Amino acid sequence: MPAGFTRCVSRGGRVRTKRLSGKRYIRICFLGGKSFAGEVHTRKAARSTARTRRGLRGVTKKKRKRRRRK
């Protein structure tokens, strides 16, 4: 990360995420009326696959919670 961004985060600045075109995003830190840009990142693929969605079809939220506890 750029030094200005890291310094801003360590001093308690507000960090916001801005979406960019095509699965990219950037984090920006705001402190004292100034902004400090971080690096541009690329989003990863979603974790849910067809197999996991098929396994939870027809299961209510309540049953899912019980299933996770075990």
C-alpha atoms as a PDB file:
ATOM      1  CA  MET A   1       0.000   0.000   0.000  1.00  0.00           C
ATOM      2  CA  PRO A   2       1.141   3.568  -0.580  1.00  0.00           C
ATOM      3  CA  ALA A   3       2.768   5.225   2.419  1.00  0.00           C
ATOM      4  CA  GLY A   4       0.195   8.061   2.619  1.00  0.00           C
ATOM      5  CA  PHE A   5      -2.712   5.614   2.691  1.00  0.00           C
ATOM      6  CA  THR A   6      -1.096   3.457   5.381  1.00  0.00           C
ATOM      7  CA  ARG A   7      -0.310   6.517   7.507  1.00  0.00           C
ATOM      8  CA  CYS A   8      -3.899   7.760   7.159  1.00  0.00           C
ATOM      9  CA  VAL A   9      -5.327   4.390   8.272  1.00  0.00           C
ATOM     10  CA  SER A  10      -2.979   4.191  11.261  1.00  0.00           C
ATOM     11  CA  ARG A  11      -4.038   7.697  12.363  1.00  0.00           C
ATOM     12  CA  GLY A  12      -7.708   6.677  12.360  1.00  0.00           C
ATOM     13  CA  GLY A  13      -8.922   7.948   8.985  1.00  0.00           C
ATOM     14  CA  ARG A  14     -12.220   6.813   7.465  1.00  0.00           C
ATOM     15  CA  VAL A  15     -11.698   4.131   4.822  1.00  0.00           C
ATOM     16  CA  ARG A  16     -14.207   3.852   1.991  1.00  0.00           C
ATOM     17  CA  THR A  17     -14.290   1.399  -0.889  1.00  0.00           C
ATOM     18  CA  LYS A  18     -15.039   2.712  -4.375  1.00  0.00           C
ATOM     19  CA  ARG A  19     -16.088   0.346  -7.147  1.00  0.00           C
ATOM     20  CA  LEU A  20     -14.400   0.754 -10.484  1.00  0.00           C
ATOM     21  CA  SER A  21     -15.249  -0.674 -13.884  1.00  0.00           C
ATOM     22  CA  GLY A  22     -14.824  -4.388 -14.466  1.00  0.00           C
ATOM     23  CA  LYS A  23     -14.472  -6.249 -11.132  1.00  0.00           C
ATOM     24  CA  ARG A  24     -12.010  -3.726  -9.713  1.00  0.00           C
ATOM     25  CA  TYR A  25     -12.128  -1.579  -6.579  1.00  0.00           C
ATOM     26  CA  ILE A  26      -9.965   0.899  -4.696  1.00  0.00           C
ATOM     27  CA  ARG A  27      -9.857   1.832  -1.027  1.00  0.00           C
ATOM     28  CA  ILE A  28      -9.618   5.518  -0.149  1.00  0.00           C
ATOM     29  CA  CYS A  29      -8.790   6.938   3.283  1.00  0.00           C
ATOM     30  CA  PHE A  30     -10.132  10.356   4.367  1.00  0.00           C
ATOM     31  CA  LEU A  31      -8.469  12.324   7.159  1.00  0.00           C
ATOM     32  CA  GLY A  32      -8.431  16.060   7.870  1.00  0.00           C
ATOM     33  CA  GLY A  33     -10.174  17.036   4.629  1.00  0.00           C
ATOM     34  CA  LYS A  34      -7.652  15.177   2.463  1.00  0.00           C
ATOM     35  CA  SER A  35      -7.930  11.839   0.709  1.00  0.00           C
ATOM     36  CA  PHE A  36      -5.304   9.151   0.267  1.00  0.00           C
ATOM     37  CA  ALA A  37      -5.810   6.446  -2.357  1.00  0.00           C
ATOM     38  CA  GLY A  38      -4.753   2.859  -1.827  1.00  0.00           C
ATOM     39  CA  GLU A  39      -3.972   0.263  -4.469  1.00  0.00           C
ATOM     40  CA  VAL A  40      -6.442  -0.916  -7.114  1.00  0.00           C
ATOM     41  CA  HIS A  41      -7.613  -4.470  -6.373  1.00  0.00           C
ATOM     42  CA  THR A  42      -9.509  -7.055  -8.398  1.00  0.00           C
ATOM     43  CA  ARG A  43     -12.515  -8.855  -6.930  1.00  0.00           C
ATOM     44  CA  LYS A  44     -12.284 -12.611  -6.540  1.00  0.00           C
ATOM     45  CA  ALA A  45     -14.884 -15.011  -7.920  1.00  0.00           C
ATOM     46  CA  ALA A  46     -17.911 -15.731  -5.753  1.00  0.00           C
ATOM     47  CA  ARG A  47     -17.540 -18.682  -3.396  1.00  0.00           C
ATOM     48  CA  SER A  48     -20.993 -20.133  -3.931  1.00  0.00           C
ATOM     49  CA  THR A  49     -21.085 -22.790  -6.588  1.00  0.00           C
ATOM     50  CA  ALA A  50     -23.948 -24.643  -8.183  1.00  0.00           C
ATOM     51  CA  ARG A  51     -23.247 -27.612  -5.917  1.00  0.00           C
ATOM     52  CA  THR A  52     -23.633 -25.629  -2.671  1.00  0.00           C
ATOM     53  CA  ARG A  53     -26.766 -23.875  -3.938  1.00  0.00           C
ATOM     54  CA  ARG A  54     -28.302 -27.221  -4.884  1.00  0.00           C
ATOM     55  CA  GLY A  55     -27.562 -28.565  -1.393  1.00  0.00           C
ATOM     56  CA  LEU A  56     -29.457 -25.713   0.296  1.00  0.00           C
ATOM     57  CA  ARG A  57     -32.501 -25.639  -1.985  1.00  0.00           C
ATOM     58  CA  GLY A  58     -35.709 -25.954   0.003  1.00  0.00           C
ATOM     59  CA  VAL A  59     -33.987 -25.416   3.353  1.00  0.00           C
ATOM     60  CA  THR A  60     -35.326 -22.549   5.443  1.00  0.00           C
ATOM     61  CA  LYS A  61     -33.090 -19.985   7.175  1.00  0.00           C
ATOM     62  CA  LYS A  62     -33.856 -21.512  10.547  1.00  0.00           C
ATOM     63  CA  LYS A  63     -32.717 -24.965   9.415  1.00  0.00           C
ATOM     64  CA  ARG A  64     -29.550 -23.488   7.864  1.00  0.00           C
ATOM     65  CA  LYS A  65     -28.627 -21.911  11.207  1.00  0.00           C
ATOM     66  CA  ARG A  66     -29.094 -25.241  12.958  1.00  0.00           C
ATOM     67  CA  ARG A  67     -27.036 -26.951  10.290  1.00  0.00           C
ATOM     68  CA  ARG A  68     -24.141 -24.469  10.791  1.00  0.00           C
ATOM     69  CA  ARG A  69     -24.104 -24.885  14.585  1.00  0.00           C
ATOM     70  CA  LYS A  70     -23.427 -28.609  14.432  1.00  0.00           C
END
